[in-house]
Protein backbone atom coordinates (compact mmCIF):
# COMPACT_ATOMS: atom_id res chain seq x y z
CA MET A 1 -5.72 -14.86 -23.48
CA SER A 2 -8.54 -14.32 -20.99
CA ARG A 3 -9.66 -10.94 -19.75
CA ARG A 4 -10.68 -10.07 -16.24
CA PRO A 5 -14.21 -8.72 -15.96
CA HIS A 6 -14.49 -5.08 -14.95
CA SER A 7 -15.69 -4.44 -11.43
CA SER A 8 -18.03 -1.78 -12.81
CA PRO A 9 -19.68 -1.46 -16.20
CA PRO A 10 -17.94 0.81 -18.70
CA PRO A 11 -19.48 4.25 -19.27
CA ASP A 12 -22.12 4.56 -21.97
CA ASN A 13 -20.04 7.04 -23.96
CA GLU A 14 -16.31 6.47 -23.53
CA ALA A 15 -15.60 9.75 -25.36
CA ASP A 16 -17.01 11.58 -22.33
CA LEU A 17 -14.68 9.71 -19.95
CA ARG A 18 -11.91 11.99 -18.65
CA LEU A 19 -9.00 10.15 -17.02
CA ASN A 20 -6.50 12.95 -17.30
CA CYS A 21 -5.51 15.30 -14.47
CA ARG A 22 -3.38 17.67 -16.50
CA GLY A 23 -4.96 21.09 -16.30
CA CYS A 24 -6.57 20.47 -12.90
CA ARG A 25 -5.72 22.90 -10.11
CA HIS A 26 -5.34 20.03 -7.61
CA PHE A 27 -2.86 18.02 -9.73
CA PHE A 28 0.86 18.26 -8.96
CA VAL A 29 4.16 16.60 -9.90
CA THR A 30 6.07 15.15 -6.94
CA TYR A 31 9.44 14.46 -8.64
CA GLU A 32 9.58 11.19 -6.69
CA PRO A 33 10.41 8.30 -9.06
CA ARG A 34 8.06 5.86 -7.31
CA ASN A 35 5.13 8.29 -7.01
CA PRO A 36 5.45 10.92 -9.73
CA TRP A 37 1.92 12.44 -9.55
CA GLY A 38 -0.37 13.60 -6.79
CA CYS A 39 -3.71 15.19 -5.96
CA ARG A 40 -3.96 17.93 -3.36
CA GLN A 41 -7.73 17.51 -2.98
CA PHE A 42 -7.58 13.78 -2.19
CA GLY A 43 -4.18 14.06 -0.49
CA PHE A 44 -2.30 11.19 -2.12
CA LYS A 45 0.57 10.45 -4.50
CA GLY A 46 0.83 7.57 -6.94
CA LYS A 47 2.51 6.15 -9.99
CA ASN A 48 -0.67 6.56 -12.07
CA LEU A 49 -2.57 9.77 -12.67
CA PRO A 50 -4.92 10.48 -9.74
CA ALA A 51 -7.98 10.47 -12.03
CA GLN A 52 -7.09 6.94 -13.12
CA ILE A 53 -6.73 5.80 -9.50
CA VAL A 54 -10.09 7.37 -8.60
CA TYR A 55 -11.77 5.65 -11.57
CA GLN A 56 -10.22 2.27 -10.69
CA SER A 57 -11.30 2.61 -7.06
CA THR A 58 -14.80 4.02 -7.48
CA GLY A 59 -15.80 3.36 -11.08
CA MET A 60 -16.62 7.07 -11.48
CA GLN A 61 -14.78 10.07 -12.85
CA CYS A 62 -13.09 12.44 -10.44
CA ALA A 63 -15.68 14.83 -9.00
CA TYR A 64 -13.07 17.38 -7.90
CA PHE A 65 -11.63 18.28 -11.32
CA SER A 66 -11.31 22.06 -11.46
CA GLU A 67 -9.58 23.73 -14.38
CA ASN A 68 -6.44 25.66 -13.52
CA ALA A 69 -6.61 29.37 -14.42
CA SER A 70 -3.07 29.36 -15.85
CA VAL A 71 -4.03 26.56 -18.23
CA LYS A 72 -7.09 28.53 -19.36
CA ASN A 73 -4.97 31.60 -20.06
CA SER A 74 -2.33 29.70 -22.00
CA ALA A 75 -5.00 28.00 -24.14
CA VAL A 76 -6.55 31.38 -24.98
CA SER A 77 -3.19 32.87 -25.96
CA ARG A 78 -2.45 29.89 -28.21
CA ARG A 79 -5.74 30.33 -30.05
CA LYS A 80 -5.07 34.01 -30.80
CA LYS A 81 -2.03 33.25 -32.94
CA LYS A 82 -2.67 32.76 -36.63
CA SER A 83 -1.06 29.84 -38.37
CA GLY A 84 1.77 30.67 -40.73
CA ILE A 85 2.63 33.99 -39.07
CA LEU A 86 5.82 34.18 -37.03
CA ASP A 87 5.39 36.22 -33.86
CA ILE A 88 8.84 37.04 -32.43
CA ASN A 89 7.43 39.16 -29.58
CA GLY A 90 5.57 36.28 -27.90
């Protein structure tokens, strides 16, 4: 099985590579079976995550990633809960 060479060299530290749009304020779900995800900043829809399409096209991570405020707030509220304690009030 032969592999195709990459058009651009891989990043030095692959742990730093972010190819996930979830949590970005520009990311949206289209509910179209052929193009389920989109990016408002770049103005396109596709069957792969927009960050993956940007990386495949340019060889760089998405420069427009901006964390969504609602995702920040939900992450903070999850951290406040202590494990093993049932909170029925939310």
